[in-house]
């Protein structure tokens, strides 16, 4: 497994604040790059959909991450939702701690709750006290 970089992140929206740890494991000769939030692998697949980290690119000082997700049609508490997709582009500047997320949402429960289209948000992600840990 490649080298890992750790960040302490904070997302704020209205009166809600969420703190989490992000771990980015760089690609190696035998494994693709991975992203973990609070130790949860963002590469997920089950009967409800699929989410995959498509790329992690270091372009100093920035880190660029692309995540694709697709969701099957579902029914929750009597409400039906169509199939949906989400494409997320993340730009992280570890020097300033600025994380910018651009999400393109189409359909599904996300489209119904957040609205279809492009959504832009910003978070703070600073290098953890021990930002690099070889694996």
Protein backbone atom coordinates (compact mmCIF):
# COMPACT_ATOMS: atom_id res chain seq x y z
CA UNK A 1 0.00 0.00 0.00
CA UNK A 2 1.23 3.52 -0.77
CA UNK A 3 2.05 6.31 1.63
CA UNK A 4 -0.85 7.85 3.59
CA UNK A 5 -1.53 11.51 4.34
CA UNK A 6 -3.81 12.40 7.27
CA UNK A 7 -6.00 15.48 7.71
CA UNK A 8 -8.22 16.77 10.50
CA UNK A 9 -11.30 18.24 8.84
CA UNK A 10 -14.29 20.32 9.82
CA UNK A 11 -17.52 20.92 7.94
CA UNK A 12 -19.92 23.65 9.10
CA UNK A 13 -23.42 24.30 7.84
CA UNK A 14 -25.80 26.63 9.67
CA UNK A 15 -25.55 25.53 13.33
CA UNK A 16 -24.23 22.06 12.49
CA UNK A 17 -20.49 21.29 12.80
CA UNK A 18 -18.97 17.93 11.90
CA UNK A 19 -15.34 17.04 12.56
CA UNK A 20 -13.75 14.05 10.86
CA UNK A 21 -10.41 12.52 9.92
CA UNK A 22 -9.54 12.11 6.25
CA UNK A 23 -6.86 9.66 5.19
CA UNK A 24 -5.58 9.70 1.62
CA UNK A 25 -3.51 6.68 0.60
CA UNK A 26 -1.52 7.35 -2.53
CA UNK A 27 -1.45 4.82 -5.33
CA UNK A 28 1.30 2.24 -5.42
CA UNK A 29 2.40 -0.20 -8.12
CA UNK A 30 -0.17 -2.73 -6.88
CA UNK A 31 -3.04 -0.64 -5.51
CA UNK A 32 -5.08 2.36 -6.61
CA UNK A 33 -5.31 5.47 -4.46
CA UNK A 34 -7.84 5.32 -1.61
CA UNK A 35 -9.70 7.87 0.51
CA UNK A 36 -11.07 7.16 3.99
CA UNK A 37 -13.32 9.35 6.17
CA UNK A 38 -13.16 8.34 9.85
CA UNK A 39 -11.64 5.01 8.69
CA UNK A 40 -14.58 4.38 6.29
CA UNK A 41 -13.36 3.44 2.80
CA UNK A 42 -15.10 5.64 0.21
CA UNK A 43 -14.94 2.78 -2.31
CA UNK A 44 -18.28 1.12 -1.51
CA UNK A 45 -20.65 -1.12 -3.42
CA UNK A 46 -23.85 -2.87 -2.36
CA UNK A 47 -27.41 -3.49 -3.56
CA UNK A 48 -28.24 0.21 -3.14
CA UNK A 49 -25.43 1.61 -5.28
CA UNK A 50 -21.76 2.10 -5.94
CA UNK A 51 -19.28 4.77 -4.93
CA UNK A 52 -15.70 4.81 -6.22
CA UNK A 53 -12.69 7.05 -5.85
CA UNK A 54 -11.71 7.52 -9.49
CA UNK A 55 -8.49 9.47 -8.98
CA UNK A 56 -6.22 11.21 -6.50
CA UNK A 57 -3.76 13.63 -8.09
CA UNK A 58 -0.99 15.56 -6.35
CA UNK A 59 -0.34 18.89 -8.09
CA UNK A 60 1.55 20.74 -5.39
CA UNK A 61 0.38 22.36 -3.33
CA UNK A 62 -3.08 20.98 -4.16
CA UNK A 63 -4.56 17.51 -3.96
CA UNK A 64 -7.36 16.73 -6.43
CA UNK A 65 -9.84 13.91 -5.75
CA UNK A 66 -12.61 12.64 -8.06
CA UNK A 67 -15.40 10.42 -6.71
CA UNK A 68 -18.27 8.90 -8.72
CA UNK A 69 -21.42 7.44 -7.20
CA UNK A 70 -24.57 5.87 -8.61
CA UNK A 71 -27.66 4.83 -6.71
CA UNK A 72 -30.40 2.36 -7.57
CA UNK A 73 -34.07 3.39 -7.36
CA UNK A 74 -35.32 3.08 -3.79
CA UNK A 75 -38.35 3.55 -1.60
CA UNK A 76 -37.97 5.06 1.86
CA UNK A 77 -40.91 5.50 4.23
CA UNK A 78 -43.41 5.28 1.37
CA UNK A 79 -41.60 7.74 -0.92
CA UNK A 80 -40.11 6.46 -4.17
CA UNK A 81 -36.86 7.87 -5.53
CA UNK A 82 -35.45 7.34 -9.01
CA UNK A 83 -31.95 6.11 -9.74
CA UNK A 84 -29.35 8.83 -9.28
CA UNK A 85 -25.75 9.80 -9.79
CA UNK A 86 -23.27 12.10 -8.08
CA UNK A 87 -19.89 13.22 -9.40
CA UNK A 88 -17.69 14.94 -6.81
CA UNK A 89 -14.54 16.97 -7.53
CA UNK A 90 -12.53 17.90 -4.43
CA UNK A 91 -9.65 20.36 -4.36
CA UNK A 92 -7.65 20.39 -1.13
CA UNK A 93 -4.92 22.94 -0.42
CA UNK A 94 -3.10 21.53 2.63
CA UNK A 95 -1.19 24.80 3.08
CA UNK A 96 -4.31 26.94 3.65
CA UNK A 97 -6.55 24.05 4.81
CA UNK A 98 -9.19 24.99 2.23
CA UNK A 99 -11.17 22.07 0.82
CA UNK A 100 -13.54 22.93 -2.03
CA UNK A 101 -16.12 20.37 -3.08
CA UNK A 102 -18.06 20.60 -6.36
CA UNK A 103 -20.84 18.00 -6.64
CA UNK A 104 -22.94 17.36 -9.71
CA UNK A 105 -26.12 15.60 -8.59
CA UNK A 106 -28.74 14.04 -10.85
CA UNK A 107 -31.80 12.17 -9.59
CA UNK A 108 -32.15 9.82 -6.66
CA UNK A 109 -32.69 10.78 -3.04
CA UNK A 110 -29.85 13.33 -3.28
CA UNK A 111 -31.50 15.10 -6.20
CA UNK A 112 -34.82 15.10 -4.35
CA UNK A 113 -33.37 16.44 -1.10
CA UNK A 114 -30.52 18.71 -2.29
CA UNK A 115 -31.77 19.49 -5.80
CA UNK A 116 -30.38 18.38 -9.14
CA UNK A 117 -27.44 20.34 -10.50
CA UNK A 118 -24.10 21.59 -9.26
CA UNK A 119 -23.52 22.22 -5.56
CA UNK A 120 -20.39 23.91 -4.24
CA UNK A 121 -19.26 23.79 -0.61
CA UNK A 122 -16.13 24.52 1.38
CA UNK A 123 -14.64 22.80 4.41
CA UNK A 124 -11.44 23.09 6.42
CA UNK A 125 -8.87 20.27 6.33
CA UNK A 126 -5.51 20.80 7.96
CA UNK A 127 -2.68 18.27 8.10
CA UNK A 128 -2.96 16.08 11.19
CA UNK A 129 -0.25 16.25 13.85
CA UNK A 130 1.37 13.23 12.15
CA UNK A 131 0.39 13.92 8.50
CA UNK A 132 2.46 11.14 6.89
CA UNK A 133 2.51 7.50 8.00
CA UNK A 134 4.11 4.85 5.79
CA UNK A 135 1.97 1.75 5.35
